[in-house]
N, C-alpha and C. Protein backbone atom coordinates (compact mmCIF):
# COMPACT_ATOMS: atom_id res chain seq x y z
N UNK A 1 126.98 70.74 90.17
CA UNK A 1 126.85 72.18 90.17
C UNK A 1 127.70 72.79 91.29
N UNK A 2 127.58 72.28 92.49
CA UNK A 2 128.36 72.78 93.61
C UNK A 2 129.57 71.90 93.81
N UNK A 3 130.73 72.52 94.03
CA UNK A 3 131.90 71.71 94.34
C UNK A 3 132.08 71.70 95.85
N UNK A 4 133.24 71.31 96.30
CA UNK A 4 133.46 71.15 97.72
C UNK A 4 133.87 72.42 98.44
N UNK A 5 133.89 73.55 97.77
CA UNK A 5 134.24 74.81 98.41
C UNK A 5 133.03 75.32 99.18
N UNK A 6 133.26 75.67 100.43
CA UNK A 6 132.16 76.19 101.26
C UNK A 6 132.30 77.69 101.43
N UNK A 7 131.25 78.30 101.90
CA UNK A 7 131.29 79.73 102.20
C UNK A 7 132.36 80.02 103.25
N UNK A 8 132.45 79.15 104.23
CA UNK A 8 133.46 79.32 105.27
C UNK A 8 134.87 79.29 104.68
N UNK A 9 135.10 78.37 103.74
CA UNK A 9 136.41 78.29 103.08
C UNK A 9 136.76 79.61 102.39
N UNK A 10 135.80 80.17 101.68
CA UNK A 10 136.04 81.41 100.95
C UNK A 10 136.28 82.56 101.92
N UNK A 11 135.51 82.64 102.99
CA UNK A 11 135.72 83.70 103.98
C UNK A 11 137.12 83.61 104.59
N UNK A 12 137.57 82.38 104.85
CA UNK A 12 138.92 82.20 105.39
C UNK A 12 139.98 82.59 104.37
N UNK A 13 139.76 82.27 103.12
CA UNK A 13 140.71 82.64 102.07
C UNK A 13 140.76 84.16 101.89
N UNK A 14 139.61 84.81 101.92
CA UNK A 14 139.57 86.28 101.83
C UNK A 14 140.34 86.88 103.01
N UNK A 15 140.11 86.34 104.19
CA UNK A 15 140.82 86.82 105.38
C UNK A 15 142.32 86.66 105.24
N UNK A 16 142.75 85.53 104.70
CA UNK A 16 144.17 85.30 104.49
C UNK A 16 144.74 86.27 103.45
N UNK A 17 143.98 86.53 102.41
CA UNK A 17 144.41 87.50 101.40
C UNK A 17 144.60 88.88 102.03
N UNK A 18 143.63 89.32 102.81
CA UNK A 18 143.70 90.63 103.44
C UNK A 18 144.90 90.70 104.38
N UNK A 19 145.10 89.67 105.16
CA UNK A 19 146.23 89.65 106.09
C UNK A 19 147.55 89.71 105.32
N UNK A 20 147.64 88.95 104.24
CA UNK A 20 148.86 88.94 103.42
C UNK A 20 149.12 90.32 102.82
N UNK A 21 148.09 90.93 102.26
CA UNK A 21 148.24 92.27 101.67
C UNK A 21 148.64 93.29 102.73
N UNK A 22 148.01 93.20 103.89
CA UNK A 22 148.32 94.13 104.98
C UNK A 22 149.76 93.96 105.43
N UNK A 23 150.20 92.72 105.60
CA UNK A 23 151.58 92.47 106.01
C UNK A 23 152.58 92.92 104.95
N UNK A 24 152.28 92.72 103.68
CA UNK A 24 153.16 93.17 102.61
C UNK A 24 153.30 94.69 102.60
N UNK A 25 152.24 95.37 103.02
CA UNK A 25 152.27 96.84 103.11
C UNK A 25 152.85 97.31 104.44
N UNK A 26 153.29 96.37 105.26
CA UNK A 26 153.87 96.67 106.59
C UNK A 26 152.92 97.49 107.45
N UNK A 27 151.65 97.07 107.44
CA UNK A 27 150.63 97.74 108.24
C UNK A 27 150.16 96.82 109.36
N UNK A 28 149.87 97.40 110.51
CA UNK A 28 149.21 96.66 111.57
C UNK A 28 147.71 96.68 111.28
N UNK A 29 146.97 95.85 111.99
CA UNK A 29 145.51 95.90 111.85
C UNK A 29 144.99 97.28 112.23
N UNK A 30 145.56 97.86 113.26
CA UNK A 30 145.14 99.19 113.72
C UNK A 30 145.40 100.24 112.63
N UNK A 31 146.55 100.19 112.00
CA UNK A 31 146.88 101.17 110.96
C UNK A 31 145.94 101.05 109.76
N UNK A 32 145.69 99.82 109.33
CA UNK A 32 144.78 99.63 108.20
C UNK A 32 143.38 100.11 108.58
N UNK A 33 142.95 99.78 109.76
CA UNK A 33 141.63 100.20 110.23
C UNK A 33 141.52 101.73 110.21
N UNK A 34 142.54 102.41 110.68
CA UNK A 34 142.52 103.88 110.70
C UNK A 34 142.43 104.44 109.28
N UNK A 35 143.19 103.87 108.36
CA UNK A 35 143.19 104.34 106.97
C UNK A 35 141.82 104.17 106.32
N UNK A 36 141.07 103.17 106.79
CA UNK A 36 139.76 102.88 106.18
C UNK A 36 138.58 103.36 107.03
N UNK A 37 138.89 104.07 108.11
CA UNK A 37 137.85 104.54 109.05
C UNK A 37 137.02 103.38 109.59
N UNK A 38 137.72 102.32 109.94
CA UNK A 38 137.09 101.14 110.53
C UNK A 38 137.75 100.88 111.89
N UNK A 39 137.21 99.95 112.62
CA UNK A 39 137.83 99.58 113.89
C UNK A 39 138.83 98.45 113.67
N UNK A 40 139.79 98.32 114.59
CA UNK A 40 140.75 97.22 114.52
C UNK A 40 140.02 95.88 114.60
N UNK A 41 138.98 95.82 115.40
CA UNK A 41 138.20 94.58 115.53
C UNK A 41 137.56 94.19 114.20
N UNK A 42 137.14 95.17 113.43
CA UNK A 42 136.56 94.88 112.11
C UNK A 42 137.59 94.22 111.21
N UNK A 43 138.82 94.75 111.21
CA UNK A 43 139.89 94.15 110.41
C UNK A 43 140.23 92.76 110.95
N UNK A 44 140.30 92.64 112.26
CA UNK A 44 140.58 91.35 112.89
C UNK A 44 139.53 90.32 112.48
N UNK A 45 138.27 90.71 112.52
CA UNK A 45 137.18 89.80 112.14
C UNK A 45 137.26 89.43 110.66
N UNK A 46 137.56 90.39 109.81
CA UNK A 46 137.70 90.11 108.38
C UNK A 46 138.81 89.09 108.16
N UNK A 47 139.94 89.31 108.80
CA UNK A 47 141.08 88.41 108.60
C UNK A 47 140.83 87.01 109.16
N UNK A 48 139.95 86.90 110.11
CA UNK A 48 139.66 85.57 110.66
C UNK A 48 138.41 84.95 110.03
N UNK A 49 137.85 85.60 109.03
CA UNK A 49 136.72 85.03 108.30
C UNK A 49 135.39 85.12 109.02
N UNK A 50 135.26 86.10 109.89
CA UNK A 50 134.05 86.22 110.70
C UNK A 50 133.07 87.25 110.12
N UNK A 51 132.36 86.86 109.09
CA UNK A 51 131.24 87.62 108.53
C UNK A 51 131.50 89.10 108.28
N UNK A 52 132.44 89.41 107.37
CA UNK A 52 132.66 90.81 107.04
C UNK A 52 131.47 91.35 106.24
N UNK A 53 131.26 92.63 106.36
CA UNK A 53 130.22 93.24 105.53
C UNK A 53 130.78 93.46 104.13
N UNK A 54 129.89 93.63 103.19
CA UNK A 54 130.29 93.92 101.82
C UNK A 54 131.08 95.23 101.78
N UNK A 55 130.63 96.24 102.53
CA UNK A 55 131.33 97.52 102.55
C UNK A 55 132.76 97.37 103.04
N UNK A 56 132.96 96.58 104.09
CA UNK A 56 134.30 96.37 104.62
C UNK A 56 135.19 95.72 103.57
N UNK A 57 134.70 94.68 102.96
CA UNK A 57 135.48 93.98 101.95
C UNK A 57 135.82 94.90 100.78
N UNK A 58 134.84 95.67 100.32
CA UNK A 58 135.08 96.56 99.18
C UNK A 58 136.05 97.68 99.53
N UNK A 59 135.98 98.21 100.75
CA UNK A 59 136.94 99.23 101.19
C UNK A 59 138.36 98.69 101.18
N UNK A 60 138.53 97.46 101.65
CA UNK A 60 139.85 96.85 101.68
C UNK A 60 140.35 96.61 100.26
N UNK A 61 139.49 96.09 99.40
CA UNK A 61 139.88 95.87 98.00
C UNK A 61 140.27 97.19 97.34
N UNK A 62 139.53 98.25 97.62
CA UNK A 62 139.85 99.55 97.05
C UNK A 62 141.20 100.05 97.56
N UNK A 63 141.44 99.92 98.85
CA UNK A 63 142.69 100.39 99.43
C UNK A 63 143.89 99.70 98.78
N UNK A 64 143.76 98.40 98.52
CA UNK A 64 144.86 97.65 97.94
C UNK A 64 144.79 97.60 96.41
N UNK A 65 144.01 98.49 95.83
CA UNK A 65 143.90 98.67 94.37
C UNK A 65 143.45 97.38 93.67
N UNK A 66 142.52 96.67 94.28
CA UNK A 66 141.96 95.46 93.69
C UNK A 66 140.49 95.59 93.34
N UNK A 67 139.90 96.73 93.65
CA UNK A 67 138.46 96.91 93.42
C UNK A 67 138.13 96.88 91.93
N UNK A 68 138.97 97.50 91.12
CA UNK A 68 138.73 97.49 89.67
C UNK A 68 138.77 96.09 89.09
N UNK A 69 139.74 95.30 89.52
CA UNK A 69 139.85 93.91 89.04
C UNK A 69 138.63 93.09 89.46
N UNK A 70 138.19 93.31 90.70
CA UNK A 70 137.02 92.60 91.20
C UNK A 70 135.78 92.99 90.39
N UNK A 71 135.64 94.28 90.12
CA UNK A 71 134.51 94.76 89.33
C UNK A 71 134.56 94.20 87.91
N UNK A 72 135.75 94.17 87.31
CA UNK A 72 135.91 93.61 85.97
C UNK A 72 135.49 92.14 85.94
N UNK A 73 135.88 91.40 86.97
CA UNK A 73 135.49 89.99 87.05
C UNK A 73 133.97 89.85 87.10
N UNK A 74 133.33 90.66 87.91
CA UNK A 74 131.87 90.61 88.03
C UNK A 74 131.22 90.94 86.69
N UNK A 75 131.69 92.00 86.04
CA UNK A 75 131.12 92.38 84.74
C UNK A 75 131.29 91.26 83.72
N UNK A 76 132.45 90.62 83.71
CA UNK A 76 132.70 89.52 82.78
C UNK A 76 131.75 88.35 83.05
N UNK A 77 131.55 88.03 84.32
CA UNK A 77 130.63 86.94 84.67
C UNK A 77 129.20 87.27 84.25
N UNK A 78 128.81 88.51 84.42
CA UNK A 78 127.46 88.92 84.01
C UNK A 78 127.32 88.77 82.50
N UNK A 79 128.31 89.24 81.76
CA UNK A 79 128.26 89.14 80.30
C UNK A 79 128.25 87.69 79.84
N UNK A 80 129.07 86.86 80.46
CA UNK A 80 129.17 85.45 80.05
C UNK A 80 127.93 84.64 80.41
N UNK A 81 127.19 85.10 81.38
CA UNK A 81 126.02 84.35 81.83
C UNK A 81 124.70 85.01 81.45
N UNK A 82 124.76 86.06 80.67
CA UNK A 82 123.54 86.77 80.27
C UNK A 82 122.92 86.04 79.08
N UNK A 83 121.93 85.25 79.38
CA UNK A 83 121.26 84.47 78.35
C UNK A 83 120.10 85.28 77.77
N UNK A 84 120.01 85.27 76.49
CA UNK A 84 118.91 85.94 75.83
C UNK A 84 117.62 85.13 76.02
N UNK A 85 116.56 85.82 76.26
CA UNK A 85 115.27 85.17 76.41
C UNK A 85 114.85 84.51 75.09
N UNK A 86 114.21 83.38 75.22
CA UNK A 86 113.69 82.70 74.04
C UNK A 86 112.33 83.22 73.62
N UNK A 87 111.78 84.13 74.39
CA UNK A 87 110.43 84.63 74.12
C UNK A 87 110.47 85.97 73.48
């Protein structure tokens, strides 16, 4: 059921994604933080995989126009795993 991917691995991958997107947009951590009304330390922590909040992650996804794709993925998973009751 569980593979070898850990929560820490995923947090680090998310952080790397955010850093990559930020660099592609030629933004500093400070600039991205200002655009999202967050602190630079919050962006720094997200990029280093240090327990971002759901709100922080969703704000970043929205800024980089990935929130819709993320929501679509969640909806698809819900539909694919929605088992009808046998009762």
